[in-house]
Amino acid sequence: MDNRVKTLRVVLFAVAGIISLRLFFVQIVQNGKWVAKAEEQHTLENTIKAKRGEIYMMDGSEPVQVVMNERVYTIVIDPMVANEEEVGKMIFGEDMKGYLTATKEEAFSDKTKRYFLVARGVPRAEALKIQSEELSGVYIKEGTKRVYPEGTLGARMLGFVNADGEGQYGVEGALNDELKGKDGLLKTVADVNSVALSIGDNNVKIPAEDGKNVVLTIDRNVQSNVERILQQKMDEFGKDQASAVVMNPKTGEILAMVNLPGYDPANYGDVESADIYINRVTEDPYEPASVCKGFTFATGIDLGVLTPETTYTNYGYETIDGWQIKNASQYEYLLGTTSIQKAFNWSLNTGSIYALKLIGGDATQVTEEGRKKLYEYYTDKFGLGRETGVELYESLGLIGDPVEGDGRDSLYANMTFGQNMLVTMMQVISGYNTLVNGGKKVTPTIVKGEMKDGELIEKQRGEGEQVIAETTSATMREMLYGTRTAYRTNGTDPAGYYIGGKTGTAQVIRDGKYSMDEWVATYVGFGGVEGELPEYTVMVRIWKDGETTSAETYALPVFSEISNYMIKYLKIKPKEG
């Protein structure tokens, strides 16, 4: 008996010791951990959602909203608690049909679940109606959705916001961090009934930082009218793809950026292919063809190795690296002694190849030095194959290395007239801004500023870097004016104005080689009055897969209509006399 008592006493002491050690470990060693867990049970934590910034375009000198927020609601049920019959009547009826994310059967298929999303984007009136029924196990959460009052206007430039509240494509995607803001946090100590207490050292309130209200440089009037002109011409010509961009060449501000066909960003899922979301002005590199002759001739003029009056012998073709490179125009009267201006007017490939030879210091052949210098001007000075800095998603394209690789001479000979290279429309028109604005490389911009308390706070921008001489720019304006005049514009340019531009008809690569049955048409040019810097630049691209689309027949007339509209809209006064 005594042994049993002793044994029991030892066991009790051992148990007491273990308990004491455990209490010491929990209360002293792990004190912080268990205090935190206790606080968690008595703390209410809520995210304070930041309001997504709205987007404005300019209407002349006034900002106007083109993307807004609308208050909507999400409905969640607890299948374990909710009454299936009552919920079925209130939530799964006809009034809610357009907002449901599941059927009643799906929602209640597993009643062990405690959370099931049944509706999204519910208008306030419907949400309040459901809330007034005070249904058990039904929870209503407030949120917002994007509203696009202008419909499809500028859709591929604006982008959209997905169901998770994240910006996708266009401005919504590229400026998502600025637009969405930063969520805040509210933590409050609660009593045993989960009622928030107004006092307590552990209360935390971090206010939400609402997103910026971004004002675009886009003028909704210009955007709307360029879309109208482009659509009319597409219908008239039977083409199904077109893009255009209008800019202020002195500031880099983008006044319109159009990609057709468009879509409804409020119903972004109703499209046949995600390809329609792509902004072809900034994200779709292509071969722009002879518009690049302007860059080649400007390089030679800026280096002092040629002028518009410089002559060469045009044989109708050049043989480089064993490849015969022909002119598109093979008229006999164009053969023989030809000036650089005439080569520009008639878009003779032999003229731009000759310019490359002069750039390299040898009139008889393309040299490595010529390739290097043309590469420098194309990339560093005109920005081809490089990010332009515009506040949108950009693709780089491809400008071949001047030294590394086979067939560099023929590659660069083709690059003088915009083939065997890939660039974006934004790169090309930005380069043309430099050609005509006095020689300054200005960063293109689509953001004018920010709306704060109803006032536009404009973004500060520099004047741009002088990358080619002012005299080179003046010569290029005159050459572009002469080229447009030579292209028989049939009196479409009103008297008293100074309009210049260049065509580009590019062959498309199919099955590894250039097709003679599929072309893309491009036209880029400027407008204003003689003796002054241009007031606007315009670039147009139009095509249809599998068809030939020449620039003179299709892109030039589109430019002409946009140019005439810009003259009227900007109220540019003609030169007298």
Protein backbone atom coordinates (compact mmCIF):
# COMPACT_ATOMS: atom_id res chain seq x y z
CA MET A 1 0.00 0.00 0.00
CA ASP A 2 2.80 2.41 0.91
CA ASN A 3 4.52 1.66 -2.41
CA ARG A 4 1.34 2.49 -4.31
CA VAL A 5 0.98 5.78 -2.47
CA LYS A 6 4.60 6.66 -3.12
CA THR A 7 4.21 5.80 -6.80
CA LEU A 8 1.03 7.90 -7.09
CA ARG A 9 2.76 10.77 -5.30
CA VAL A 10 5.67 10.64 -7.76
CA VAL A 11 3.30 10.54 -10.72
CA LEU A 12 1.32 13.52 -9.37
CA PHE A 13 4.51 15.51 -8.80
CA ALA A 14 5.67 14.62 -12.32
CA VAL A 15 2.36 15.68 -13.85
CA ALA A 16 2.39 18.88 -11.82
CA GLY A 17 5.92 19.54 -12.99
CA ILE A 18 4.98 18.97 -16.61
CA ILE A 19 1.99 21.27 -16.27
CA SER A 20 4.13 23.92 -14.61
CA LEU A 21 6.75 23.68 -17.33
CA ARG A 22 4.06 23.89 -19.98
CA LEU A 23 2.47 26.92 -18.31
CA PHE A 24 5.88 28.57 -18.09
CA PHE A 25 6.51 27.86 -21.78
CA VAL A 26 3.10 29.17 -22.85
CA GLN A 27 2.90 32.18 -20.51
CA ILE A 28 6.50 33.29 -20.62
CA VAL A 29 8.30 31.85 -23.64
CA GLN A 30 5.34 31.98 -26.10
CA ASN A 31 3.57 34.92 -24.51
CA GLY A 32 3.71 37.10 -27.61
CA LYS A 33 2.33 34.38 -29.86
CA TRP A 34 -0.74 33.64 -27.73
CA VAL A 35 -1.46 37.30 -27.00
CA ALA A 36 -1.47 37.90 -30.76
CA LYS A 37 -3.88 34.99 -31.31
CA ALA A 38 -6.17 36.34 -28.61
CA GLU A 39 -6.10 39.76 -30.21
CA GLU A 40 -6.95 38.24 -33.59
CA GLN A 41 -10.14 36.79 -32.12
CA HIS A 42 -11.16 40.20 -30.82
CA THR A 43 -10.05 42.28 -33.81
CA LEU A 44 -12.15 43.23 -36.82
CA GLU A 45 -10.02 43.79 -39.91
CA ASN A 46 -11.41 45.35 -43.08
CA THR A 47 -9.81 46.52 -46.30
CA ILE A 48 -10.71 50.07 -47.27
CA LYS A 49 -10.94 49.86 -51.06
CA ALA A 50 -9.30 52.64 -53.01
CA LYS A 51 -11.41 54.34 -55.65
CA ARG A 52 -10.05 53.73 -59.16
CA GLY A 53 -9.11 56.93 -60.91
CA GLU A 54 -11.25 58.13 -63.79
CA ILE A 55 -9.98 58.94 -67.27
CA TYR A 56 -10.51 62.19 -69.15
CA MET A 57 -9.96 63.32 -72.72
CA MET A 58 -9.70 66.92 -73.81
CA ASP A 59 -12.62 68.66 -75.49
CA GLY A 60 -10.72 71.56 -76.97
CA SER A 61 -9.31 73.16 -73.82
CA GLU A 62 -11.65 71.43 -71.35
CA PRO A 63 -11.18 67.95 -69.83
CA VAL A 64 -14.22 65.64 -70.15
CA GLN A 65 -14.78 62.26 -68.51
CA VAL A 66 -14.68 59.29 -70.85
CA VAL A 67 -14.16 56.53 -68.27
CA MET A 68 -16.08 56.64 -64.98
CA ASN A 69 -16.93 54.43 -62.01
CA GLU A 70 -20.39 53.14 -61.18
CA ARG A 71 -21.32 51.66 -57.79
CA VAL A 72 -22.25 47.99 -58.10
CA TYR A 73 -22.58 45.06 -55.70
CA THR A 74 -21.42 41.47 -55.36
CA ILE A 75 -23.69 38.91 -53.70
CA VAL A 76 -22.31 35.93 -51.79
CA ILE A 77 -24.28 33.24 -49.96
CA ASP A 78 -23.47 30.77 -47.20
CA PRO A 79 -25.14 27.55 -48.48
CA MET A 80 -25.03 26.02 -44.99
CA VAL A 81 -27.06 28.87 -43.48
CA ALA A 82 -29.08 30.32 -46.36
CA ASN A 83 -32.67 29.19 -47.00
CA GLU A 84 -32.69 27.71 -50.50
CA GLU A 85 -36.33 28.55 -51.21
CA GLU A 86 -36.14 32.18 -50.03
CA VAL A 87 -32.82 32.82 -51.77
CA GLY A 88 -34.13 31.20 -54.92
CA LYS A 89 -37.06 33.63 -55.11
CA MET A 90 -35.08 36.79 -54.36
CA ILE A 91 -31.76 36.18 -56.08
CA PHE A 92 -32.32 33.67 -58.86
CA GLY A 93 -35.32 35.39 -60.44
CA GLU A 94 -35.63 37.16 -63.82
CA ASP A 95 -34.57 40.58 -62.46
CA MET A 96 -31.14 39.21 -61.59
CA LYS A 97 -30.59 37.14 -64.72
CA GLY A 98 -27.95 39.39 -66.24
CA TYR A 99 -25.79 39.44 -63.09
CA LEU A 100 -25.78 35.79 -61.95
CA THR A 101 -22.52 33.86 -61.97
CA ALA A 102 -24.14 30.50 -61.12
CA THR A 103 -27.50 28.71 -61.04
CA LYS A 104 -29.42 28.02 -57.84
CA GLU A 105 -28.66 24.31 -58.20
CA GLU A 106 -24.92 25.01 -58.46
CA ALA A 107 -24.99 27.34 -55.46
CA PHE A 108 -26.68 24.79 -53.21
CA SER A 109 -25.08 21.62 -54.60
CA ASP A 110 -22.75 21.41 -51.59
CA LYS A 111 -24.29 22.69 -48.37
CA THR A 112 -21.09 22.15 -46.41
CA LYS A 113 -19.61 25.17 -48.20
CA ARG A 114 -19.64 28.46 -46.33
CA TYR A 115 -19.01 30.77 -49.29
CA PHE A 116 -20.40 30.85 -52.81
CA LEU A 117 -20.37 33.82 -55.22
CA VAL A 118 -23.75 34.02 -56.96
CA ALA A 119 -23.92 37.48 -58.57
CA ARG A 120 -21.57 40.24 -59.66
CA GLY A 121 -22.10 43.79 -60.96
CA VAL A 122 -25.56 44.08 -59.38
CA PRO A 123 -27.05 47.61 -59.62
CA ARG A 124 -27.75 49.49 -56.40
CA ALA A 125 -31.55 49.27 -56.70
CA GLU A 126 -31.50 45.48 -56.99
CA ALA A 127 -28.96 45.13 -54.19
CA LEU A 128 -31.05 47.27 -51.82
CA LYS A 129 -34.14 45.22 -52.65
CA ILE A 130 -32.35 42.00 -51.64
CA GLN A 131 -30.81 43.64 -48.59
CA SER A 132 -34.22 44.76 -47.33
CA GLU A 133 -35.34 41.12 -47.06
CA GLU A 134 -32.63 40.48 -44.42
CA LEU A 135 -32.05 36.94 -45.65
CA SER A 136 -29.85 34.75 -43.47
CA GLY A 137 -26.63 33.63 -45.07
CA VAL A 138 -26.76 36.31 -47.80
CA TYR A 139 -24.00 38.91 -47.89
CA ILE A 140 -23.79 41.99 -50.10
CA LYS A 141 -20.48 43.66 -50.82
CA GLU A 142 -20.14 47.08 -52.42
CA GLY A 143 -17.76 47.64 -55.33
CA THR A 144 -17.45 49.58 -58.57
CA LYS A 145 -17.38 48.84 -62.27
CA ARG A 146 -16.04 50.86 -65.16
CA VAL A 147 -18.46 52.81 -67.32
CA TYR A 148 -17.52 54.03 -70.79
CA PRO A 149 -20.09 56.68 -71.74
CA GLU A 150 -18.52 57.21 -75.17
CA GLY A 151 -19.06 53.54 -76.08
CA THR A 152 -16.43 52.23 -78.48
CA LEU A 153 -14.59 55.56 -78.83
CA GLY A 154 -10.86 54.94 -78.49
CA ALA A 155 -11.44 51.43 -77.13
CA ARG A 156 -8.14 49.91 -78.26
CA MET A 157 -6.28 52.91 -76.91
CA LEU A 158 -8.17 52.98 -73.58
CA GLY A 159 -8.28 49.24 -72.76
CA PHE A 160 -10.61 47.91 -70.05
CA VAL A 161 -10.82 46.71 -66.42
CA ASN A 162 -11.38 43.00 -65.82
CA ALA A 163 -13.62 41.31 -63.26
CA ASP A 164 -10.81 41.39 -60.67
CA GLY A 165 -10.48 45.17 -60.96
CA GLU A 166 -7.19 45.06 -62.86
CA GLY A 167 -6.58 47.22 -65.92
CA GLN A 168 -5.96 45.33 -69.13
CA TYR A 169 -4.45 46.68 -72.38
CA GLY A 170 -4.30 50.32 -73.42
CA VAL A 171 -4.27 53.13 -70.88
CA GLU A 172 -6.14 51.02 -68.30
CA GLY A 173 -3.39 48.41 -68.37
CA ALA A 174 -0.29 50.55 -68.85
CA LEU A 175 -1.31 53.05 -66.13
CA ASN A 176 -2.99 50.47 -63.89
CA ASP A 177 -0.81 51.23 -60.83
CA GLU A 178 -1.58 54.94 -61.02
CA LEU A 179 -5.28 54.45 -61.69
CA LYS A 180 -6.07 51.78 -59.09
CA GLY A 181 -4.53 53.60 -56.13
CA LYS A 182 -3.67 51.83 -52.86
CA ASP A 183 -6.13 50.09 -50.55
CA GLY A 184 -6.29 51.15 -46.91
CA LEU A 185 -6.82 49.12 -43.72
CA LEU A 186 -9.19 49.38 -40.76
CA LYS A 187 -8.49 47.28 -37.65
CA THR A 188 -10.64 47.70 -34.53
CA VAL A 189 -10.87 45.81 -31.24
CA ALA A 190 -14.25 44.10 -30.85
CA ASP A 191 -16.17 42.70 -27.88
CA VAL A 192 -17.36 39.10 -27.57
CA ASN A 193 -20.30 39.88 -29.87
CA SER A 194 -17.97 41.23 -32.57
CA VAL A 195 -19.15 44.79 -31.95
CA ALA A 196 -16.36 47.32 -32.64
CA LEU A 197 -15.12 49.24 -29.63
CA SER A 198 -14.23 52.89 -30.08
CA ILE A 199 -11.29 52.68 -27.71
CA GLY A 200 -8.18 50.55 -27.69
CA ASP A 201 -4.51 50.83 -28.33
CA ASN A 202 -4.70 48.27 -31.11
CA ASN A 203 -7.05 50.24 -33.35
CA VAL A 204 -5.47 50.95 -36.74
CA LYS A 205 -6.78 53.08 -39.58
CA ILE A 206 -4.74 53.48 -42.74
CA PRO A 207 -6.73 55.56 -45.23
CA ALA A 208 -7.03 54.36 -48.81
CA GLU A 209 -5.13 56.33 -51.45
CA ASP A 210 -7.50 56.77 -54.36
CA GLY A 211 -6.16 56.36 -57.86
CA LYS A 212 -5.21 59.35 -59.99
CA ASN A 213 -7.77 60.89 -62.32
CA VAL A 214 -5.72 60.83 -65.52
CA VAL A 215 -6.25 63.43 -68.24
CA LEU A 216 -5.18 62.31 -71.70
CA THR A 217 -3.81 64.53 -74.45
CA ILE A 218 -6.37 62.90 -76.75
CA ASP A 219 -8.94 65.38 -78.02
CA ARG A 220 -12.28 63.59 -78.15
CA ASN A 221 -13.37 65.67 -81.15
CA VAL A 222 -10.29 64.72 -83.15
CA GLN A 223 -10.51 61.11 -81.97
CA SER A 224 -14.18 60.86 -82.96
CA ASN A 225 -13.72 62.43 -86.38
CA VAL A 226 -10.61 60.43 -87.27
CA GLU A 227 -12.51 57.25 -86.34
CA ARG A 228 -15.40 58.39 -88.55
CA ILE A 229 -13.12 59.16 -91.51
CA LEU A 230 -11.22 55.91 -91.14
CA GLN A 231 -14.40 53.82 -90.95
CA GLN A 232 -15.90 55.55 -93.99
CA LYS A 233 -12.76 54.93 -96.03
CA MET A 234 -12.52 51.30 -94.90
CA ASP A 235 -16.10 50.74 -96.04
CA GLU A 236 -15.48 52.58 -99.31
CA PHE A 237 -12.29 50.66 -100.09
CA GLY A 238 -13.41 47.28 -98.79
CA LYS A 239 -10.55 47.09 -96.27
CA ASP A 240 -11.01 45.69 -92.77
CA GLN A 241 -7.99 46.96 -90.81
CA ALA A 242 -6.85 50.54 -90.28
CA SER A 243 -4.90 52.61 -87.77
CA ALA A 244 -4.13 56.30 -87.52
CA VAL A 245 -2.38 58.65 -85.14
CA VAL A 246 -2.47 62.46 -85.02
CA MET A 247 0.15 64.43 -83.08
CA ASN A 248 1.43 67.88 -82.28
CA PRO A 249 5.00 67.59 -83.65
CA LYS A 250 6.32 70.41 -81.48
CA THR A 251 5.20 69.00 -78.12
CA GLY A 252 4.77 65.28 -78.82
CA GLU A 253 1.17 65.37 -77.62
CA ILE A 254 -1.03 62.71 -79.20
CA LEU A 255 -4.37 64.17 -80.29
CA ALA A 256 -5.89 60.95 -81.65
CA MET A 257 -4.96 57.28 -81.69
CA VAL A 258 -7.31 55.09 -83.70
CA ASN A 259 -7.40 51.34 -84.33
CA LEU A 260 -10.29 49.82 -86.26
CA PRO A 261 -12.27 47.67 -85.89
CA GLY A 262 -12.93 48.47 -82.24
CA TYR A 263 -14.95 46.88 -79.44
CA ASP A 264 -17.09 47.86 -76.45
CA PRO A 265 -14.81 48.01 -73.37
CA ALA A 266 -17.86 47.71 -71.08
CA ASN A 267 -18.49 44.29 -72.68
CA TYR A 268 -14.91 43.37 -73.46
CA GLY A 269 -15.63 39.63 -73.47
CA ASP A 270 -17.93 39.90 -76.49
CA VAL A 271 -15.15 39.63 -79.08
CA GLU A 272 -14.08 36.90 -81.47
CA SER A 273 -10.37 37.20 -80.75
CA ALA A 274 -8.09 38.87 -78.20
CA ASP A 275 -6.21 40.32 -81.19
CA ILE A 276 -8.78 43.12 -81.26
CA TYR A 277 -7.44 44.42 -77.92
CA ILE A 278 -4.01 45.18 -79.43
CA ASN A 279 -3.10 48.82 -79.99
CA ARG A 280 -1.43 48.53 -83.39
CA VAL A 281 0.02 52.04 -83.19
CA THR A 282 2.40 51.11 -80.36
CA GLU A 283 2.38 47.31 -80.12
CA ASP A 284 2.43 45.97 -83.68
CA PRO A 285 5.80 46.33 -85.46
CA TYR A 286 5.63 46.09 -89.25
CA GLU A 287 7.61 47.04 -92.36
CA PRO A 288 6.49 50.59 -93.25
CA ALA A 289 8.30 50.69 -96.61
CA SER A 290 9.19 53.93 -98.39
CA VAL A 291 8.21 56.36 -95.64
CA CYS A 292 11.69 55.45 -94.33
CA LYS A 293 13.29 57.11 -97.36
CA GLY A 294 12.69 60.35 -95.45
CA PHE A 295 14.98 59.14 -92.67
CA THR A 296 17.64 57.96 -95.13
CA PHE A 297 17.75 61.23 -97.08
CA ALA A 298 17.70 63.26 -93.86
CA THR A 299 20.74 61.31 -92.65
CA GLY A 300 22.67 62.15 -95.81
CA ILE A 301 21.61 65.81 -95.70
CA ASP A 302 22.50 66.14 -92.01
CA LEU A 303 25.93 64.61 -92.64
CA GLY A 304 26.46 67.01 -95.53
CA VAL A 305 26.99 64.34 -98.19
CA LEU A 306 23.95 65.08 -100.36
CA THR A 307 21.26 67.66 -101.13
CA PRO A 308 17.90 67.39 -102.92
CA GLU A 309 19.74 68.47 -106.10
CA THR A 310 22.38 65.71 -105.87
CA THR A 311 22.17 63.46 -108.94
CA TYR A 312 22.94 59.82 -109.71
CA THR A 313 22.33 57.44 -112.60
CA ASN A 314 19.12 55.45 -112.22
CA TYR A 315 19.27 52.10 -114.01
CA GLY A 316 16.00 50.91 -112.51
CA TYR A 317 17.72 48.48 -110.15
CA GLU A 318 20.77 47.90 -107.96
CA THR A 319 22.56 44.59 -107.36
CA ILE A 320 23.74 44.23 -103.76
CA ASP A 321 25.20 41.01 -102.30
CA GLY A 322 24.11 39.27 -105.49
CA TRP A 323 20.46 40.35 -105.03
CA GLN A 324 18.74 42.54 -107.59
CA ILE A 325 16.77 45.32 -105.89
CA LYS A 326 14.32 47.01 -108.26
CA ASN A 327 12.31 50.20 -108.30
CA ALA A 328 8.56 49.78 -108.15
CA SER A 329 8.27 52.38 -110.93
CA GLN A 330 10.05 51.12 -114.06
CA TYR A 331 9.04 53.90 -116.46
CA GLU A 332 11.66 54.58 -119.11
CA TYR A 333 11.49 58.33 -118.61
CA LEU A 334 12.73 57.84 -115.02
CA LEU A 335 15.96 56.18 -116.15
CA GLY A 336 19.26 58.04 -116.46
CA THR A 337 20.40 61.07 -114.52
CA THR A 338 18.04 61.57 -111.59
CA SER A 339 18.04 63.98 -108.64
CA ILE A 340 17.49 62.90 -105.04
CA GLN A 341 14.29 65.00 -104.96
CA LYS A 342 13.00 63.19 -108.05
CA ALA A 343 13.93 59.85 -106.46
CA PHE A 344 11.91 60.90 -103.39
CA ASN A 345 8.98 62.03 -105.52
CA TRP A 346 8.85 58.74 -107.42
CA SER A 347 9.93 56.65 -104.44
CA LEU A 348 12.89 55.14 -106.28
CA ASN A 349 14.72 52.54 -104.22
CA THR A 350 17.86 53.18 -106.24
CA GLY A 351 17.88 56.75 -104.88
CA SER A 352 17.84 55.76 -101.22
CA ILE A 353 20.49 53.07 -101.86
CA TYR A 354 22.68 55.71 -103.53
CA ALA A 355 22.22 57.91 -100.46
CA LEU A 356 23.46 55.02 -98.28
CA LYS A 357 26.57 54.75 -100.45
CA LEU A 358 27.28 58.47 -100.03
CA ILE A 359 26.70 58.20 -96.27
CA GLY A 360 29.47 55.58 -96.20
CA GLY A 361 31.85 57.76 -98.18
CA ASP A 362 31.93 55.65 -101.38
CA ALA A 363 29.52 56.44 -104.23
CA THR A 364 30.18 53.04 -105.83
CA GLN A 365 29.29 50.66 -102.99
CA VAL A 366 27.64 50.18 -99.60
CA THR A 367 30.25 50.22 -96.83
CA GLU A 368 30.38 49.24 -93.18
CA GLU A 369 30.83 52.90 -92.27
CA GLY A 370 27.61 53.76 -94.12
CA ARG A 371 25.71 51.00 -92.37
CA LYS A 372 26.96 52.16 -88.96
CA LYS A 373 26.00 55.78 -89.59
CA LEU A 374 22.54 54.89 -90.90
CA TYR A 375 22.01 52.63 -87.86
CA GLU A 376 22.98 55.51 -85.55
CA TYR A 377 20.51 57.91 -87.18
CA TYR A 378 17.72 55.35 -87.43
CA THR A 379 17.96 54.28 -83.78
CA ASP A 380 19.53 57.09 -81.71
CA LYS A 381 18.26 60.14 -83.56
CA PHE A 382 14.94 59.00 -85.06
CA GLY A 383 14.10 56.34 -82.44
CA LEU A 384 13.34 53.45 -84.78
CA GLY A 385 13.42 50.05 -83.08
CA ARG A 386 13.54 51.75 -79.66
CA GLU A 387 11.01 52.60 -76.95
CA THR A 388 9.60 56.05 -77.62
CA GLY A 389 8.71 56.72 -73.98
CA VAL A 390 4.97 57.06 -74.59
CA GLU A 391 2.94 56.01 -71.52
CA LEU A 392 1.55 52.88 -73.17
CA TYR A 393 2.67 49.32 -73.81
CA GLU A 394 5.25 49.34 -76.60
CA SER A 395 6.93 46.79 -78.83
CA LEU A 396 10.51 47.48 -79.91
CA GLY A 397 10.52 46.01 -83.39
CA LEU A 398 13.84 45.13 -85.02
CA ILE A 399 16.64 47.11 -86.65
CA GLY A 400 19.39 44.74 -87.82
CA ASP A 401 22.91 45.07 -86.52
CA PRO A 402 25.12 46.97 -89.01
CA VAL A 403 28.10 44.63 -88.59
CA GLU A 404 27.15 41.21 -87.22
CA GLY A 405 25.43 38.78 -89.60
CA ASP A 406 25.42 37.79 -93.24
CA GLY A 407 24.26 39.99 -96.11
CA ARG A 408 24.53 43.26 -94.19
CA ASP A 409 24.90 45.35 -97.36
CA SER A 410 21.67 44.06 -98.94
CA LEU A 411 19.91 44.22 -95.56
CA TYR A 412 20.75 47.90 -95.16
CA ALA A 413 20.03 48.65 -98.82
CA ASN A 414 16.49 47.37 -98.22
CA MET A 415 16.26 49.23 -94.90
CA THR A 416 16.82 52.54 -96.73
CA PHE A 417 13.28 52.11 -98.09
CA GLY A 418 11.74 50.52 -95.02
CA GLN A 419 11.86 46.79 -95.76
CA ASN A 420 13.81 44.08 -93.86
CA MET A 421 13.09 45.95 -90.62
CA LEU A 422 10.25 46.12 -88.09
CA VAL A 423 9.07 49.34 -86.44
CA THR A 424 5.87 50.66 -84.88
CA MET A 425 3.73 53.49 -86.15
CA MET A 426 4.56 55.43 -82.99
CA GLN A 427 8.28 55.15 -83.73
CA VAL A 428 7.80 56.30 -87.33
CA ILE A 429 5.59 59.31 -86.60
CA SER A 430 7.84 60.33 -83.70
CA GLY A 431 10.79 60.22 -86.11
CA TYR A 432 8.82 62.32 -88.60
CA ASN A 433 8.12 64.85 -85.85
CA THR A 434 11.89 65.27 -85.59
CA LEU A 435 12.18 65.59 -89.39
CA VAL A 436 9.72 68.49 -89.54
CA ASN A 437 9.72 70.25 -86.13
CA GLY A 438 13.13 71.88 -86.44
CA GLY A 439 15.15 68.76 -85.65
CA LYS A 440 14.16 68.10 -82.03
CA LYS A 441 13.52 64.64 -80.63
CA VAL A 442 10.43 65.10 -78.45
CA THR A 443 9.01 62.28 -76.36
CA PRO A 444 5.49 61.35 -77.47
CA THR A 445 2.95 61.58 -74.69
CA ILE A 446 -0.65 60.57 -74.17
CA VAL A 447 -0.89 61.95 -70.61
CA LYS A 448 -1.64 65.64 -70.32
CA GLY A 449 -1.91 65.67 -66.56
CA GLU A 450 -4.13 64.89 -63.60
CA MET A 451 -7.49 66.19 -62.38
CA LYS A 452 -7.34 67.32 -58.74
CA ASP A 453 -10.31 68.98 -57.06
CA GLY A 454 -11.80 69.76 -60.45
CA GLU A 455 -8.64 71.40 -61.77
CA LEU A 456 -6.26 70.14 -64.45
CA ILE A 457 -2.68 69.89 -63.19
CA GLU A 458 -0.57 69.62 -66.34
CA LYS A 459 2.42 67.33 -66.56
CA GLN A 460 5.74 69.13 -66.99
CA ARG A 461 7.73 68.19 -70.09
CA GLY A 462 11.06 69.17 -71.56
CA GLU A 463 11.56 70.78 -74.96
CA GLY A 464 13.36 67.83 -76.50
CA GLU A 465 16.90 67.22 -77.67
CA GLN A 466 18.26 68.76 -80.87
CA VAL A 467 19.35 65.67 -82.84
CA ILE A 468 19.52 66.99 -86.43
CA ALA A 469 20.22 70.48 -87.67
CA GLU A 470 17.38 72.97 -88.12
CA THR A 471 18.51 73.39 -91.72
CA THR A 472 18.16 69.63 -92.27
CA SER A 473 14.63 69.79 -90.90
CA ALA A 474 13.78 72.76 -93.14
CA THR A 475 15.11 70.88 -96.18
CA MET A 476 13.07 67.79 -95.27
CA ARG A 477 9.89 69.85 -94.97
CA GLU A 478 10.52 71.20 -98.46
CA MET A 479 11.29 67.72 -99.83
CA LEU A 480 8.14 66.27 -98.28
CA TYR A 481 6.08 69.17 -99.64
CA GLY A 482 7.57 68.55 -103.09
CA THR A 483 6.88 64.82 -102.87
CA ARG A 484 3.24 65.34 -101.93
CA THR A 485 2.81 67.83 -104.76
CA ALA A 486 4.29 65.30 -107.19
CA TYR A 487 1.77 62.69 -106.10
CA ARG A 488 -1.11 64.44 -107.86
CA THR A 489 -3.33 65.17 -104.86
CA ASN A 490 -6.09 66.41 -107.20
CA GLY A 491 -6.62 69.68 -105.38
CA THR A 492 -7.45 67.99 -102.06
CA ASP A 493 -5.10 70.34 -100.18
CA PRO A 494 -6.74 73.75 -99.71
CA ALA A 495 -4.94 76.81 -101.06
CA GLY A 496 -2.67 78.73 -98.72
CA TYR A 497 -1.50 75.72 -96.71
CA TYR A 498 1.78 73.85 -96.65
CA ILE A 499 1.16 70.09 -96.62
CA GLY A 500 3.84 67.46 -97.06
CA GLY A 501 4.05 63.70 -96.78
CA LYS A 502 5.34 60.39 -98.04
CA THR A 503 3.78 57.11 -99.14
CA GLY A 504 4.90 53.62 -98.17
CA THR A 505 3.62 50.44 -99.83
CA ALA A 506 5.10 47.42 -98.10
CA GLN A 507 5.18 43.85 -99.30
CA VAL A 508 4.19 41.35 -96.62
CA ILE A 509 6.25 38.26 -95.87
CA ARG A 510 4.31 35.02 -96.41
CA ASP A 511 5.86 31.55 -96.26
CA GLY A 512 9.32 33.04 -95.74
CA LYS A 513 9.33 35.38 -98.73
CA TYR A 514 7.85 38.68 -99.83
CA SER A 515 4.44 38.29 -101.41
CA MET A 516 3.46 40.15 -104.59
CA ASP A 517 -0.21 39.65 -103.69
CA GLU A 518 -0.35 41.29 -100.27
CA TRP A 519 0.67 44.86 -99.44
CA VAL A 520 0.16 47.24 -96.52
CA ALA A 521 -0.40 50.93 -97.27
CA THR A 522 1.09 53.74 -95.15
CA TYR A 523 1.12 57.51 -95.42
CA VAL A 524 2.77 59.94 -93.01
CA GLY A 525 2.86 63.70 -93.34
CA PHE A 526 2.40 67.14 -91.79
CA GLY A 527 0.34 70.28 -92.21
CA GLY A 528 0.56 74.00 -91.48
CA VAL A 529 1.53 77.13 -93.37
CA GLU A 530 4.73 77.87 -95.28
CA GLY A 531 7.53 79.44 -93.27
CA GLU A 532 6.27 78.14 -89.93
CA LEU A 533 6.70 74.87 -88.07
CA PRO A 534 3.91 72.36 -88.78
CA GLU A 535 0.83 72.33 -86.56
CA TYR A 536 0.12 68.62 -86.84
CA THR A 537 1.48 65.32 -88.09
CA VAL A 538 -0.68 62.39 -89.22
CA MET A 539 0.16 58.77 -89.93
CA VAL A 540 -2.25 56.31 -91.56
CA ARG A 541 -1.99 52.56 -92.10
CA ILE A 542 -4.66 50.57 -93.94
CA TRP A 543 -4.76 46.99 -95.20
CA LYS A 544 -6.60 43.71 -95.58
CA ASP A 545 -4.94 40.33 -95.22
CA GLY A 546 -4.41 38.64 -98.57
CA GLU A 547 -4.98 41.78 -100.65
CA THR A 548 -2.79 44.40 -102.32
CA THR A 549 -3.26 47.85 -100.78
CA SER A 550 -1.20 50.62 -102.35
CA ALA A 551 -0.40 53.75 -100.38
CA GLU A 552 -1.17 56.21 -103.19
CA THR A 553 -4.62 54.73 -103.79
CA TYR A 554 -5.70 54.02 -100.23
CA ALA A 555 -3.59 55.64 -97.47
CA LEU A 556 -3.00 59.01 -99.16
CA PRO A 557 -6.74 59.87 -99.51
CA VAL A 558 -7.32 59.00 -95.85
CA PHE A 559 -4.48 61.32 -94.82
CA SER A 560 -5.94 64.07 -97.02
CA GLU A 561 -9.34 63.95 -95.30
CA ILE A 562 -7.81 63.94 -91.84
CA SER A 563 -5.47 66.77 -92.80
CA ASN A 564 -8.34 68.92 -94.09
CA TYR A 565 -10.30 68.23 -90.91
CA MET A 566 -7.31 69.27 -88.75
CA ILE A 567 -6.92 72.54 -90.63
CA LYS A 568 -10.54 73.42 -89.86
CA TYR A 569 -10.53 72.12 -86.30
CA LEU A 570 -7.31 73.90 -85.31
CA LYS A 571 -8.51 77.02 -87.15
CA ILE A 572 -5.20 77.40 -88.95
CA LYS A 573 -5.21 80.58 -91.01
CA PRO A 574 -3.92 80.24 -94.59
CA LYS A 575 -0.95 82.20 -95.79
CA GLU A 576 -2.05 85.29 -97.66
CA GLY A 577 -1.01 85.98 -101.24
